[in-house]
mmCIF file of all heavy atoms, coordinates in Angstrom:
data_MODEL
# 
_entry.id   MODEL 
# 
loop_
_atom_site.group_PDB 
_atom_site.id 
_atom_site.type_symbol 
_atom_site.label_atom_id 
_atom_site.label_alt_id 
_atom_site.label_comp_id 
_atom_site.label_asym_id 
_atom_site.label_entity_id 
_atom_site.label_seq_id 
_atom_site.pdbx_PDB_ins_code 
_atom_site.Cartn_x 
_atom_site.Cartn_y 
_atom_site.Cartn_z 
_atom_site.occupancy 
_atom_site.B_iso_or_equiv 
_atom_site.pdbx_formal_charge 
_atom_site.auth_seq_id 
_atom_site.auth_comp_id 
_atom_site.auth_asym_id 
_atom_site.auth_atom_id 
_atom_site.pdbx_PDB_model_num 
ATOM 1   N N   . LYS A 1 1  ? 56.829 38.149 14.008 1.00 0.00 ? 1  LYS A N   1 
ATOM 2   C CA  . LYS A 1 1  ? 56.952 36.695 14.565 1.00 0.00 ? 1  LYS A CA  1 
ATOM 3   C C   . LYS A 1 1  ? 56.161 35.740 13.757 1.00 0.00 ? 1  LYS A C   1 
ATOM 4   O O   . LYS A 1 1  ? 56.581 34.538 13.515 1.00 0.00 ? 1  LYS A O   1 
ATOM 5   C CB  . LYS A 1 1  ? 56.651 36.710 16.131 1.00 0.00 ? 1  LYS A CB  1 
ATOM 6   C CG  . LYS A 1 1  ? 56.966 35.387 16.784 1.00 0.00 ? 1  LYS A CG  1 
ATOM 7   C CD  . LYS A 1 1  ? 56.726 35.444 18.255 1.00 0.00 ? 1  LYS A CD  1 
ATOM 8   C CE  . LYS A 1 1  ? 57.090 34.142 18.931 1.00 0.00 ? 1  LYS A CE  1 
ATOM 9   N NZ  . LYS A 1 1  ? 56.811 34.346 20.341 1.00 0.00 ? 1  LYS A NZ  1 
ATOM 10  N N   . SER A 1 2  ? 54.948 35.981 13.409 1.00 0.00 ? 2  SER A N   1 
ATOM 11  C CA  . SER A 1 2  ? 54.093 35.234 12.661 1.00 0.00 ? 2  SER A CA  1 
ATOM 12  C C   . SER A 1 2  ? 54.660 34.937 11.301 1.00 0.00 ? 2  SER A C   1 
ATOM 13  O O   . SER A 1 2  ? 54.696 33.751 10.712 1.00 0.00 ? 2  SER A O   1 
ATOM 14  C CB  . SER A 1 2  ? 52.789 35.684 12.476 1.00 0.00 ? 2  SER A CB  1 
ATOM 15  O OG  . SER A 1 2  ? 52.643 36.922 11.747 1.00 0.00 ? 2  SER A OG  1 
ATOM 16  N N   . PHE A 1 3  ? 55.314 35.998 10.659 1.00 0.00 ? 3  PHE A N   1 
ATOM 17  C CA  . PHE A 1 3  ? 55.916 35.785 9.340  1.00 0.00 ? 3  PHE A CA  1 
ATOM 18  C C   . PHE A 1 3  ? 57.106 34.828 9.521  1.00 0.00 ? 3  PHE A C   1 
ATOM 19  O O   . PHE A 1 3  ? 57.404 33.959 8.669  1.00 0.00 ? 3  PHE A O   1 
ATOM 20  C CB  . PHE A 1 3  ? 56.303 37.219 8.824  1.00 0.00 ? 3  PHE A CB  1 
ATOM 21  C CG  . PHE A 1 3  ? 57.184 37.068 7.574  1.00 0.00 ? 3  PHE A CG  1 
ATOM 22  C CD1 . PHE A 1 3  ? 56.548 36.998 6.374  1.00 0.00 ? 3  PHE A CD1 1 
ATOM 23  C CD2 . PHE A 1 3  ? 58.561 37.267 7.617  1.00 0.00 ? 3  PHE A CD2 1 
ATOM 24  C CE1 . PHE A 1 3  ? 57.273 36.904 5.147  1.00 0.00 ? 3  PHE A CE1 1 
ATOM 25  C CE2 . PHE A 1 3  ? 59.243 37.159 6.428  1.00 0.00 ? 3  PHE A CE2 1 
ATOM 26  C CZ  . PHE A 1 3  ? 58.577 36.971 5.256  1.00 0.00 ? 3  PHE A CZ  1 
ATOM 27  N N   . TRP A 1 4  ? 57.844 35.069 10.603 1.00 0.00 ? 4  TRP A N   1 
ATOM 28  C CA  . TRP A 1 4  ? 59.022 34.165 10.793 1.00 0.00 ? 4  TRP A CA  1 
ATOM 29  C C   . TRP A 1 4  ? 58.594 32.685 10.833 1.00 0.00 ? 4  TRP A C   1 
ATOM 30  O O   . TRP A 1 4  ? 59.176 31.820 10.289 1.00 0.00 ? 4  TRP A O   1 
ATOM 31  C CB  . TRP A 1 4  ? 59.610 34.569 12.229 1.00 0.00 ? 4  TRP A CB  1 
ATOM 32  C CG  . TRP A 1 4  ? 60.794 33.680 12.671 1.00 0.00 ? 4  TRP A CG  1 
ATOM 33  C CD1 . TRP A 1 4  ? 60.531 32.532 13.274 1.00 0.00 ? 4  TRP A CD1 1 
ATOM 34  C CD2 . TRP A 1 4  ? 62.138 33.921 12.584 1.00 0.00 ? 4  TRP A CD2 1 
ATOM 35  N NE1 . TRP A 1 4  ? 61.788 31.871 13.552 1.00 0.00 ? 4  TRP A NE1 1 
ATOM 36  C CE2 . TRP A 1 4  ? 62.799 32.694 13.181 1.00 0.00 ? 4  TRP A CE2 1 
ATOM 37  C CE3 . TRP A 1 4  ? 62.885 34.874 11.968 1.00 0.00 ? 4  TRP A CE3 1 
ATOM 38  C CZ2 . TRP A 1 4  ? 64.140 32.645 13.272 1.00 0.00 ? 4  TRP A CZ2 1 
ATOM 39  C CZ3 . TRP A 1 4  ? 64.283 34.823 12.151 1.00 0.00 ? 4  TRP A CZ3 1 
ATOM 40  C CH2 . TRP A 1 4  ? 64.954 33.706 12.743 1.00 0.00 ? 4  TRP A CH2 1 
ATOM 41  N N   . LYS A 1 5  ? 57.518 32.436 11.620 1.00 0.00 ? 5  LYS A N   1 
ATOM 42  C CA  . LYS A 1 5  ? 57.091 30.951 11.865 1.00 0.00 ? 5  LYS A CA  1 
ATOM 43  C C   . LYS A 1 5  ? 56.571 30.449 10.452 1.00 0.00 ? 5  LYS A C   1 
ATOM 44  O O   . LYS A 1 5  ? 56.897 29.298 10.165 1.00 0.00 ? 5  LYS A O   1 
ATOM 45  C CB  . LYS A 1 5  ? 55.877 30.921 12.798 1.00 0.00 ? 5  LYS A CB  1 
ATOM 46  C CG  . LYS A 1 5  ? 56.215 31.279 14.205 1.00 0.00 ? 5  LYS A CG  1 
ATOM 47  C CD  . LYS A 1 5  ? 55.161 31.158 15.165 1.00 0.00 ? 5  LYS A CD  1 
ATOM 48  C CE  . LYS A 1 5  ? 55.676 31.429 16.649 1.00 0.00 ? 5  LYS A CE  1 
ATOM 49  N NZ  . LYS A 1 5  ? 54.345 31.331 17.569 1.00 0.00 ? 5  LYS A NZ  1 
ATOM 50  N N   . GLU A 1 6  ? 55.915 31.313 9.678  1.00 0.00 ? 6  GLU A N   1 
ATOM 51  C CA  . GLU A 1 6  ? 55.493 30.777 8.398  1.00 0.00 ? 6  GLU A CA  1 
ATOM 52  C C   . GLU A 1 6  ? 56.662 30.511 7.458  1.00 0.00 ? 6  GLU A C   1 
ATOM 53  O O   . GLU A 1 6  ? 56.760 29.499 6.725  1.00 0.00 ? 6  GLU A O   1 
ATOM 54  C CB  . GLU A 1 6  ? 54.531 31.808 7.713  1.00 0.00 ? 6  GLU A CB  1 
ATOM 55  C CG  . GLU A 1 6  ? 53.241 31.897 8.464  1.00 0.00 ? 6  GLU A CG  1 
ATOM 56  C CD  . GLU A 1 6  ? 52.444 33.075 7.827  1.00 0.00 ? 6  GLU A CD  1 
ATOM 57  O OE1 . GLU A 1 6  ? 52.895 33.632 6.789  1.00 0.00 ? 6  GLU A OE1 1 
ATOM 58  O OE2 . GLU A 1 6  ? 51.428 33.452 8.370  1.00 0.00 ? 6  GLU A OE2 1 
ATOM 59  N N   . THR A 1 7  ? 57.650 31.372 7.454  1.00 0.00 ? 7  THR A N   1 
ATOM 60  C CA  . THR A 1 7  ? 58.818 31.336 6.498  1.00 0.00 ? 7  THR A CA  1 
ATOM 61  C C   . THR A 1 7  ? 59.626 30.117 6.872  1.00 0.00 ? 7  THR A C   1 
ATOM 62  O O   . THR A 1 7  ? 59.911 29.276 6.032  1.00 0.00 ? 7  THR A O   1 
ATOM 63  C CB  . THR A 1 7  ? 59.575 32.624 6.566  1.00 0.00 ? 7  THR A CB  1 
ATOM 64  O OG1 . THR A 1 7  ? 58.815 33.652 6.300  1.00 0.00 ? 7  THR A OG1 1 
ATOM 65  C CG2 . THR A 1 7  ? 60.870 32.566 5.706  1.00 0.00 ? 7  THR A CG2 1 
ATOM 66  N N   . PHE A 1 8  ? 60.094 30.011 8.091  1.00 0.00 ? 8  PHE A N   1 
ATOM 67  C CA  . PHE A 1 8  ? 61.079 28.928 8.476  1.00 0.00 ? 8  PHE A CA  1 
ATOM 68  C C   . PHE A 1 8  ? 60.368 27.653 8.683  1.00 0.00 ? 8  PHE A C   1 
ATOM 69  O O   . PHE A 1 8  ? 60.895 26.605 8.548  1.00 0.00 ? 8  PHE A O   1 
ATOM 70  C CB  . PHE A 1 8  ? 61.878 29.357 9.685  1.00 0.00 ? 8  PHE A CB  1 
ATOM 71  C CG  . PHE A 1 8  ? 62.982 30.407 9.252  1.00 0.00 ? 8  PHE A CG  1 
ATOM 72  C CD1 . PHE A 1 8  ? 62.808 31.740 9.581  1.00 0.00 ? 8  PHE A CD1 1 
ATOM 73  C CD2 . PHE A 1 8  ? 64.062 30.022 8.622  1.00 0.00 ? 8  PHE A CD2 1 
ATOM 74  C CE1 . PHE A 1 8  ? 63.747 32.747 9.182  1.00 0.00 ? 8  PHE A CE1 1 
ATOM 75  C CE2 . PHE A 1 8  ? 65.018 30.983 8.167  1.00 0.00 ? 8  PHE A CE2 1 
ATOM 76  C CZ  . PHE A 1 8  ? 64.872 32.301 8.513  1.00 0.00 ? 8  PHE A CZ  1 
ATOM 77  N N   . GLY A 1 9  ? 59.109 27.724 9.091  1.00 0.00 ? 9  GLY A N   1 
ATOM 78  C CA  . GLY A 1 9  ? 58.311 26.439 9.251  1.00 0.00 ? 9  GLY A CA  1 
ATOM 79  C C   . GLY A 1 9  ? 58.106 25.697 7.910  1.00 0.00 ? 9  GLY A C   1 
ATOM 80  O O   . GLY A 1 9  ? 58.430 24.541 7.725  1.00 0.00 ? 9  GLY A O   1 
ATOM 81  N N   . ARG A 1 10 ? 57.759 26.450 6.964  1.00 0.00 ? 10 ARG A N   1 
ATOM 82  C CA  . ARG A 1 10 ? 57.671 25.922 5.567  1.00 0.00 ? 10 ARG A CA  1 
ATOM 83  C C   . ARG A 1 10 ? 59.074 25.413 5.008  1.00 0.00 ? 10 ARG A C   1 
ATOM 84  O O   . ARG A 1 10 ? 59.133 24.441 4.360  1.00 0.00 ? 10 ARG A O   1 
ATOM 85  C CB  . ARG A 1 10 ? 56.872 26.812 4.602  1.00 0.00 ? 10 ARG A CB  1 
ATOM 86  C CG  . ARG A 1 10 ? 55.520 27.071 4.938  1.00 0.00 ? 10 ARG A CG  1 
ATOM 87  C CD  . ARG A 1 10 ? 54.858 27.680 3.731  1.00 0.00 ? 10 ARG A CD  1 
ATOM 88  N NE  . ARG A 1 10 ? 55.366 29.012 3.288  1.00 0.00 ? 10 ARG A NE  1 
ATOM 89  C CZ  . ARG A 1 10 ? 54.877 30.217 3.626  1.00 0.00 ? 10 ARG A CZ  1 
ATOM 90  N NH1 . ARG A 1 10 ? 53.847 30.213 4.426  1.00 0.00 ? 10 ARG A NH1 1 
ATOM 91  N NH2 . ARG A 1 10 ? 55.461 31.300 3.308  1.00 0.00 ? 10 ARG A NH2 1 
ATOM 92  N N   . LYS A 1 11 ? 59.998 26.236 5.215  1.00 0.00 ? 11 LYS A N   1 
ATOM 93  C CA  . LYS A 1 11 ? 61.376 25.893 4.670  1.00 0.00 ? 11 LYS A CA  1 
ATOM 94  C C   . LYS A 1 11 ? 61.844 24.633 5.393  1.00 0.00 ? 11 LYS A C   1 
ATOM 95  O O   . LYS A 1 11 ? 62.395 23.772 4.670  1.00 0.00 ? 11 LYS A O   1 
ATOM 96  C CB  . LYS A 1 11 ? 62.329 27.043 5.004  1.00 0.00 ? 11 LYS A CB  1 
ATOM 97  C CG  . LYS A 1 11 ? 63.612 26.999 4.292  1.00 0.00 ? 11 LYS A CG  1 
ATOM 98  C CD  . LYS A 1 11 ? 63.421 27.119 2.818  1.00 0.00 ? 11 LYS A CD  1 
ATOM 99  C CE  . LYS A 1 11 ? 64.687 26.979 2.075  1.00 0.00 ? 11 LYS A CE  1 
ATOM 100 N NZ  . LYS A 1 11 ? 64.470 26.962 0.575  1.00 0.00 ? 11 LYS A NZ  1 
ATOM 101 N N   . ASP A 1 12 ? 61.609 24.410 6.578  1.00 0.00 ? 12 ASP A N   1 
ATOM 102 C CA  . ASP A 1 12 ? 62.020 23.166 7.333  1.00 0.00 ? 12 ASP A CA  1 
ATOM 103 C C   . ASP A 1 12 ? 61.301 21.935 6.650  1.00 0.00 ? 12 ASP A C   1 
ATOM 104 O O   . ASP A 1 12 ? 61.868 20.982 6.473  1.00 0.00 ? 12 ASP A O   1 
ATOM 105 C CB  . ASP A 1 12 ? 61.730 23.219 8.813  1.00 0.00 ? 12 ASP A CB  1 
ATOM 106 C CG  . ASP A 1 12 ? 62.719 24.040 9.483  1.00 0.00 ? 12 ASP A CG  1 
ATOM 107 O OD1 . ASP A 1 12 ? 63.825 24.235 8.965  1.00 0.00 ? 12 ASP A OD1 1 
ATOM 108 O OD2 . ASP A 1 12 ? 62.490 24.464 10.599 1.00 0.00 ? 12 ASP A OD2 1 
ATOM 109 N N   . GLU A 1 13 ? 59.969 22.253 6.344  1.00 0.00 ? 13 GLU A N   1 
ATOM 110 C CA  . GLU A 1 13 ? 59.179 21.060 5.816  1.00 0.00 ? 13 GLU A CA  1 
ATOM 111 C C   . GLU A 1 13 ? 59.751 20.741 4.479  1.00 0.00 ? 13 GLU A C   1 
ATOM 112 O O   . GLU A 1 13 ? 59.843 19.536 4.116  1.00 0.00 ? 13 GLU A O   1 
ATOM 113 C CB  . GLU A 1 13 ? 57.746 21.491 5.715  1.00 0.00 ? 13 GLU A CB  1 
ATOM 114 C CG  . GLU A 1 13 ? 57.017 21.620 7.066  1.00 0.00 ? 13 GLU A CG  1 
ATOM 115 C CD  . GLU A 1 13 ? 55.661 22.058 6.912  1.00 0.00 ? 13 GLU A CD  1 
ATOM 116 O OE1 . GLU A 1 13 ? 55.296 22.415 5.803  1.00 0.00 ? 13 GLU A OE1 1 
ATOM 117 O OE2 . GLU A 1 13 ? 55.035 22.370 7.944  1.00 0.00 ? 13 GLU A OE2 1 
ATOM 118 N N   . LYS A 1 14 ? 60.101 21.806 3.568  1.00 0.00 ? 14 LYS A N   1 
ATOM 119 C CA  . LYS A 1 14 ? 60.577 21.429 2.281  1.00 0.00 ? 14 LYS A CA  1 
ATOM 120 C C   . LYS A 1 14 ? 61.913 20.830 2.351  1.00 0.00 ? 14 LYS A C   1 
ATOM 121 O O   . LYS A 1 14 ? 62.229 19.920 1.560  1.00 0.00 ? 14 LYS A O   1 
ATOM 122 C CB  . LYS A 1 14 ? 60.701 22.780 1.523  1.00 0.00 ? 14 LYS A CB  1 
ATOM 123 C CG  . LYS A 1 14 ? 59.351 23.388 1.169  1.00 0.00 ? 14 LYS A CG  1 
ATOM 124 C CD  . LYS A 1 14 ? 59.466 24.606 0.196  1.00 0.00 ? 14 LYS A CD  1 
ATOM 125 C CE  . LYS A 1 14 ? 58.147 25.077 -0.211 1.00 0.00 ? 14 LYS A CE  1 
ATOM 126 N NZ  . LYS A 1 14 ? 58.339 26.365 -1.062 1.00 0.00 ? 14 LYS A NZ  1 
ATOM 127 N N   . GLY A 1 15 ? 62.813 21.242 3.250  1.00 0.00 ? 15 GLY A N   1 
ATOM 128 C CA  . GLY A 1 15 ? 64.015 20.601 3.459  1.00 0.00 ? 15 GLY A CA  1 
ATOM 129 C C   . GLY A 1 15 ? 63.966 19.240 3.780  1.00 0.00 ? 15 GLY A C   1 
ATOM 130 O O   . GLY A 1 15 ? 64.735 18.249 3.276  1.00 0.00 ? 15 GLY A O   1 
ATOM 131 N N   . SER A 1 16 ? 63.027 18.751 4.774  1.00 0.00 ? 16 SER A N   1 
ATOM 132 C CA  . SER A 1 16 ? 62.838 17.418 5.060  1.00 0.00 ? 16 SER A CA  1 
ATOM 133 C C   . SER A 1 16 ? 62.419 16.561 3.881  1.00 0.00 ? 16 SER A C   1 
ATOM 134 O O   . SER A 1 16 ? 62.800 15.430 3.810  1.00 0.00 ? 16 SER A O   1 
ATOM 135 C CB  . SER A 1 16 ? 61.867 17.335 6.282  1.00 0.00 ? 16 SER A CB  1 
ATOM 136 O OG  . SER A 1 16 ? 62.332 18.048 7.417  1.00 0.00 ? 16 SER A OG  1 
ATOM 137 N N   . GLU A 1 17 ? 61.451 17.133 3.176  1.00 0.00 ? 17 GLU A N   1 
ATOM 138 C CA  . GLU A 1 17 ? 60.848 16.405 2.046  1.00 0.00 ? 17 GLU A CA  1 
ATOM 139 C C   . GLU A 1 17 ? 62.010 16.073 1.034  1.00 0.00 ? 17 GLU A C   1 
ATOM 140 O O   . GLU A 1 17 ? 62.144 15.075 0.512  1.00 0.00 ? 17 GLU A O   1 
ATOM 141 C CB  . GLU A 1 17 ? 59.793 17.212 1.346  1.00 0.00 ? 17 GLU A CB  1 
ATOM 142 C CG  . GLU A 1 17 ? 58.584 17.271 2.266  1.00 0.00 ? 17 GLU A CG  1 
ATOM 143 C CD  . GLU A 1 17 ? 57.542 18.201 1.699  1.00 0.00 ? 17 GLU A CD  1 
ATOM 144 O OE1 . GLU A 1 17 ? 57.818 18.809 0.550  1.00 0.00 ? 17 GLU A OE1 1 
ATOM 145 O OE2 . GLU A 1 17 ? 56.518 18.356 2.272  1.00 0.00 ? 17 GLU A OE2 1 
ATOM 146 N N   . ARG A 1 18 ? 62.894 17.193 0.757  1.00 0.00 ? 18 ARG A N   1 
ATOM 147 C CA  . ARG A 1 18 ? 63.888 17.023 -0.205 1.00 0.00 ? 18 ARG A CA  1 
ATOM 148 C C   . ARG A 1 18 ? 65.052 15.993 0.318  1.00 0.00 ? 18 ARG A C   1 
ATOM 149 O O   . ARG A 1 18 ? 65.588 15.265 -0.523 1.00 0.00 ? 18 ARG A O   1 
ATOM 150 C CB  . ARG A 1 18 ? 64.595 18.299 -0.587 1.00 0.00 ? 18 ARG A CB  1 
ATOM 151 C CG  . ARG A 1 18 ? 63.650 19.196 -1.386 1.00 0.00 ? 18 ARG A CG  1 
ATOM 152 C CD  . ARG A 1 18 ? 64.285 20.582 -1.510 1.00 0.00 ? 18 ARG A CD  1 
ATOM 153 N NE  . ARG A 1 18 ? 63.390 21.386 -2.282 1.00 0.00 ? 18 ARG A NE  1 
ATOM 154 C CZ  . ARG A 1 18 ? 63.319 22.643 -2.392 1.00 0.00 ? 18 ARG A CZ  1 
ATOM 155 N NH1 . ARG A 1 18 ? 64.117 23.376 -1.516 1.00 0.00 ? 18 ARG A NH1 1 
ATOM 156 N NH2 . ARG A 1 18 ? 62.582 23.290 -3.219 1.00 0.00 ? 18 ARG A NH2 1 
ATOM 157 N N   . GLU A 1 19 ? 65.207 16.063 1.540  1.00 0.00 ? 19 GLU A N   1 
ATOM 158 C CA  . GLU A 1 19 ? 66.137 15.064 2.123  1.00 0.00 ? 19 GLU A CA  1 
ATOM 159 C C   . GLU A 1 19 ? 65.706 13.619 1.981  1.00 0.00 ? 19 GLU A C   1 
ATOM 160 O O   . GLU A 1 19 ? 66.478 12.742 1.593  1.00 0.00 ? 19 GLU A O   1 
ATOM 161 C CB  . GLU A 1 19 ? 66.407 15.341 3.577  1.00 0.00 ? 19 GLU A CB  1 
ATOM 162 C CG  . GLU A 1 19 ? 67.384 14.422 4.423  1.00 0.00 ? 19 GLU A CG  1 
ATOM 163 C CD  . GLU A 1 19 ? 68.768 14.501 3.824  1.00 0.00 ? 19 GLU A CD  1 
ATOM 164 O OE1 . GLU A 1 19 ? 69.129 15.684 3.318  1.00 0.00 ? 19 GLU A OE1 1 
ATOM 165 O OE2 . GLU A 1 19 ? 69.589 13.602 3.863  1.00 0.00 ? 19 GLU A OE2 1 
ATOM 166 N N   . ARG A 1 20 ? 64.380 13.318 2.190  1.00 0.00 ? 20 ARG A N   1 
ATOM 167 C CA  . ARG A 1 20 ? 63.772 12.002 1.959  1.00 0.00 ? 20 ARG A CA  1 
ATOM 168 C C   . ARG A 1 20 ? 63.876 11.716 0.435  1.00 0.00 ? 20 ARG A C   1 
ATOM 169 O O   . ARG A 1 20 ? 64.237 10.560 0.155  1.00 0.00 ? 20 ARG A O   1 
ATOM 170 C CB  . ARG A 1 20 ? 62.344 12.007 2.420  1.00 0.00 ? 20 ARG A CB  1 
ATOM 171 C CG  . ARG A 1 20 ? 62.236 12.047 3.910  1.00 0.00 ? 20 ARG A CG  1 
ATOM 172 C CD  . ARG A 1 20 ? 60.736 11.716 4.364  1.00 0.00 ? 20 ARG A CD  1 
ATOM 173 N NE  . ARG A 1 20 ? 59.810 12.607 3.801  1.00 0.00 ? 20 ARG A NE  1 
ATOM 174 C CZ  . ARG A 1 20 ? 59.439 13.759 4.528  1.00 0.00 ? 20 ARG A CZ  1 
ATOM 175 N NH1 . ARG A 1 20 ? 59.934 14.062 5.663  1.00 0.00 ? 20 ARG A NH1 1 
ATOM 176 N NH2 . ARG A 1 20 ? 58.418 14.523 3.982  1.00 0.00 ? 20 ARG A NH2 1 
ATOM 177 N N   . ASP A 1 21 ? 63.700 12.651 -0.369 1.00 0.00 ? 21 ASP A N   1 
ATOM 178 C CA  . ASP A 1 21 ? 63.796 12.380 -1.818 1.00 0.00 ? 21 ASP A CA  1 
ATOM 179 C C   . ASP A 1 21 ? 65.198 11.925 -2.236 1.00 0.00 ? 21 ASP A C   1 
ATOM 180 O O   . ASP A 1 21 ? 65.361 11.091 -3.078 1.00 0.00 ? 21 ASP A O   1 
ATOM 181 C CB  . ASP A 1 21 ? 63.296 13.545 -2.645 1.00 0.00 ? 21 ASP A CB  1 
ATOM 182 C CG  . ASP A 1 21 ? 61.829 13.789 -2.594 1.00 0.00 ? 21 ASP A CG  1 
ATOM 183 O OD1 . ASP A 1 21 ? 61.088 12.887 -2.178 1.00 0.00 ? 21 ASP A OD1 1 
ATOM 184 O OD2 . ASP A 1 21 ? 61.346 14.923 -2.873 1.00 0.00 ? 21 ASP A OD2 1 
ATOM 185 N N   . ARG A 1 22 ? 66.178 12.585 -1.718 1.00 0.00 ? 22 ARG A N   1 
ATOM 186 C CA  . ARG A 1 22 ? 67.537 12.299 -1.982 1.00 0.00 ? 22 ARG A CA  1 
ATOM 187 C C   . ARG A 1 22 ? 67.917 10.875 -1.584 1.00 0.00 ? 22 ARG A C   1 
ATOM 188 O O   . ARG A 1 22 ? 68.580 10.119 -2.251 1.00 0.00 ? 22 ARG A O   1 
ATOM 189 C CB  . ARG A 1 22 ? 68.453 13.304 -1.361 1.00 0.00 ? 22 ARG A CB  1 
ATOM 190 C CG  . ARG A 1 22 ? 68.592 14.651 -2.000 1.00 0.00 ? 22 ARG A CG  1 
ATOM 191 C CD  . ARG A 1 22 ? 69.835 15.407 -1.634 1.00 0.00 ? 22 ARG A CD  1 
ATOM 192 N NE  . ARG A 1 22 ? 69.904 15.673 -0.109 1.00 0.00 ? 22 ARG A NE  1 
ATOM 193 C CZ  . ARG A 1 22 ? 69.344 16.758 0.344  1.00 0.00 ? 22 ARG A CZ  1 
ATOM 194 N NH1 . ARG A 1 22 ? 68.742 17.617 -0.418 1.00 0.00 ? 22 ARG A NH1 1 
ATOM 195 N NH2 . ARG A 1 22 ? 69.447 16.960 1.584  1.00 0.00 ? 22 ARG A NH2 1 
ATOM 196 N N   . ASN A 1 23 ? 67.465 10.522 -0.363 1.00 0.00 ? 23 ASN A N   1 
ATOM 197 C CA  . ASN A 1 23 ? 67.707 9.207  0.160  1.00 0.00 ? 23 ASN A CA  1 
ATOM 198 C C   . ASN A 1 23 ? 67.122 8.155  -0.723 1.00 0.00 ? 23 ASN A C   1 
ATOM 199 O O   . ASN A 1 23 ? 67.633 7.078  -0.939 1.00 0.00 ? 23 ASN A O   1 
ATOM 200 C CB  . ASN A 1 23 ? 67.215 9.081  1.602  1.00 0.00 ? 23 ASN A CB  1 
ATOM 201 C CG  . ASN A 1 23 ? 67.954 10.016 2.568  1.00 0.00 ? 23 ASN A CG  1 
ATOM 202 O OD1 . ASN A 1 23 ? 69.048 10.277 2.355  1.00 0.00 ? 23 ASN A OD1 1 
ATOM 203 N ND2 . ASN A 1 23 ? 67.316 10.259 3.681  1.00 0.00 ? 23 ASN A ND2 1 
ATOM 204 N N   . GLU A 1 24 ? 65.828 8.387  -1.274 1.00 0.00 ? 24 GLU A N   1 
ATOM 205 C CA  . GLU A 1 24 ? 65.174 7.450  -2.062 1.00 0.00 ? 24 GLU A CA  1 
ATOM 206 C C   . GLU A 1 24 ? 65.700 7.414  -3.521 1.00 0.00 ? 24 GLU A C   1 
ATOM 207 O O   . GLU A 1 24 ? 65.757 6.404  -4.111 1.00 0.00 ? 24 GLU A O   1 
ATOM 208 C CB  . GLU A 1 24 ? 63.707 7.802  -2.020 1.00 0.00 ? 24 GLU A CB  1 
ATOM 209 C CG  . GLU A 1 24 ? 63.104 7.484  -0.596 1.00 0.00 ? 24 GLU A CG  1 
ATOM 210 C CD  . GLU A 1 24 ? 61.649 7.993  -0.527 1.00 0.00 ? 24 GLU A CD  1 
ATOM 211 O OE1 . GLU A 1 24 ? 61.102 8.399  -1.621 1.00 0.00 ? 24 GLU A OE1 1 
ATOM 212 O OE2 . GLU A 1 24 ? 61.018 7.931  0.519  1.00 0.00 ? 24 GLU A OE2 1 
ATOM 213 N N   . LYS A 1 25 ? 65.968 8.607  -4.062 1.00 0.00 ? 25 LYS A N   1 
ATOM 214 C CA  . LYS A 1 25 ? 66.262 8.676  -5.514 1.00 0.00 ? 25 LYS A CA  1 
ATOM 215 C C   . LYS A 1 25 ? 67.677 9.175  -5.820 1.00 0.00 ? 25 LYS A C   1 
ATOM 216 O O   . LYS A 1 25 ? 68.061 9.170  -6.981 1.00 0.00 ? 25 LYS A O   1 
ATOM 217 C CB  . LYS A 1 25 ? 65.236 9.640  -6.209 1.00 0.00 ? 25 LYS A CB  1 
ATOM 218 C CG  . LYS A 1 25 ? 63.810 9.327  -5.965 1.00 0.00 ? 25 LYS A CG  1 
ATOM 219 C CD  . LYS A 1 25 ? 62.925 10.465 -6.523 1.00 0.00 ? 25 LYS A CD  1 
ATOM 220 C CE  . LYS A 1 25 ? 61.435 10.204 -6.203 1.00 0.00 ? 25 LYS A CE  1 
ATOM 221 N NZ  . LYS A 1 25 ? 60.580 11.236 -6.800 1.00 0.00 ? 25 LYS A NZ  1 
ATOM 222 N N   . GLY A 1 26 ? 68.557 9.341  -4.875 1.00 0.00 ? 26 GLY A N   1 
ATOM 223 C CA  . GLY A 1 26 ? 69.844 9.859  -5.097 1.00 0.00 ? 26 GLY A CA  1 
ATOM 224 C C   . GLY A 1 26 ? 69.792 11.431 -5.182 1.00 0.00 ? 26 GLY A C   1 
ATOM 225 O O   . GLY A 1 26 ? 68.728 12.045 -5.104 1.00 0.00 ? 26 GLY A O   1 
# 
C-alpha cells in the first residue's frame, strides 16, 4: 500500500505539472 501511494501520488503530480505546461506552452 505504501508503494502504491508513492507510485500513483508522484504520477498524479507529474500529470498535473505537464497539464499546466501544455496550457502555457502548447
